[in-house]
Every structure is written in C-alpha cells, then in structure tokens.
Amino acid sequence: MRDLLGDVFAPTRYNVAAAVAVAGLLLVAYVLVPHPYVQYGAWLVIFTVWMVWFVYLGVDRIYGIDS
C-alpha cells in the first residue's frame, strides 16, 4: 500500500494549493468572521476542494495525466 500511495502527499503545486486554500478558508471562517453561516459555507467549499483534489489524484493515478 505504501508503494501505491507513497507520493500522494508530496508537495506538488496542486497539493500545496489545496492546503493553502483550506487553511485560508479556515482562517477566514474561524478568526476573521466567526459566524456560523460563514463557517458552514467554508466547510462546504473545503469539501468541494477536497473532492476536486481527490478526483484529480485518482485520474492522475489511473491515467497518468500529470507525467
């Protein structure tokens, strides 16, 4: 399993972009504008970012689009 998923969390531009987007959304939702509606919206966007990252990673793993 480690051979299959060894480089999943390597600091590629997509992984770093997803992590920065999630961290920025959490910063806005919990520090700058701590309102329940903003927090709910932030988690919806974080879920969307995670799903896009997950699907892209799966397609790249199966078809090798990034190489």
Protein backbone atom coordinates (compact mmCIF):
# COMPACT_ATOMS: atom_id res chain seq x y z
CA MET A 1 0.00 0.00 0.00
CA ARG A 2 2.87 2.35 0.76
CA ASP A 3 4.25 1.82 -2.75
CA LEU A 4 0.87 2.66 -4.25
CA LEU A 5 0.24 5.83 -2.23
CA GLY A 6 3.79 6.85 -1.35
CA ASP A 7 3.83 10.17 -3.19
CA VAL A 8 0.20 11.20 -2.69
CA PHE A 9 1.07 13.93 -0.19
CA ALA A 10 4.25 15.09 -1.87
CA PRO A 11 4.43 18.90 -2.03
CA THR A 12 3.25 19.32 -5.62
CA ARG A 13 1.65 22.55 -6.77
CA TYR A 14 -1.84 21.03 -6.52
CA ASN A 15 -1.32 19.68 -3.01
CA VAL A 16 0.12 22.96 -1.80
CA ALA A 17 -2.66 24.95 -3.47
CA ALA A 18 -5.33 22.78 -1.86
CA ALA A 19 -3.70 23.04 1.57
CA VAL A 20 -3.32 26.81 1.32
CA ALA A 21 -6.92 27.22 0.18
CA VAL A 22 -8.21 25.13 3.06
CA ALA A 23 -6.04 26.94 5.61
CA GLY A 24 -7.15 30.31 4.25
CA LEU A 25 -10.81 29.37 4.40
CA LEU A 26 -10.47 28.15 7.98
CA LEU A 27 -8.64 31.35 8.93
CA VAL A 28 -11.41 33.48 7.48
CA ALA A 29 -14.22 31.38 8.93
CA TYR A 30 -12.90 31.00 12.46
CA VAL A 31 -10.69 34.04 13.07
CA LEU A 32 -11.75 36.92 10.84
CA VAL A 33 -15.51 36.31 10.51
CA PRO A 34 -16.57 33.83 13.21
CA HIS A 35 -20.20 33.44 12.24
CA PRO A 36 -21.97 30.06 11.90
CA TYR A 37 -23.12 30.75 8.35
CA VAL A 38 -19.61 31.67 7.26
CA GLN A 39 -18.21 28.56 8.94
CA TYR A 40 -20.82 26.36 7.25
CA GLY A 41 -20.05 27.90 3.87
CA ALA A 42 -16.33 27.47 4.45
CA TRP A 43 -16.78 23.78 5.20
CA LEU A 44 -18.85 23.36 2.03
CA VAL A 45 -16.09 24.95 -0.03
CA ILE A 46 -13.45 22.87 1.78
CA PHE A 47 -15.40 19.73 0.94
CA THR A 48 -15.54 20.81 -2.70
CA VAL A 49 -11.79 21.48 -2.76
CA TRP A 50 -11.14 18.09 -1.21
CA MET A 51 -13.35 16.31 -3.75
CA VAL A 52 -11.70 18.07 -6.69
CA TRP A 53 -8.28 17.16 -5.28
CA PHE A 54 -9.38 13.55 -4.70
CA VAL A 55 -10.82 13.09 -8.21
CA TYR A 56 -7.80 14.74 -9.83
CA LEU A 57 -5.47 12.48 -7.85
CA GLY A 58 -7.45 9.40 -8.86
CA VAL A 59 -7.50 10.34 -12.54
CA ASP A 60 -3.79 11.12 -12.43
CA ARG A 61 -3.09 7.79 -10.71
CA ILE A 62 -5.13 5.80 -13.24
CA TYR A 63 -4.33 7.62 -16.49
CA GLY A 64 -1.07 9.40 -15.66
CA ILE A 65 -2.15 12.85 -16.86
CA ASP A 66 0.49 14.74 -14.88
CA SER A 67 3.52 12.94 -16.27
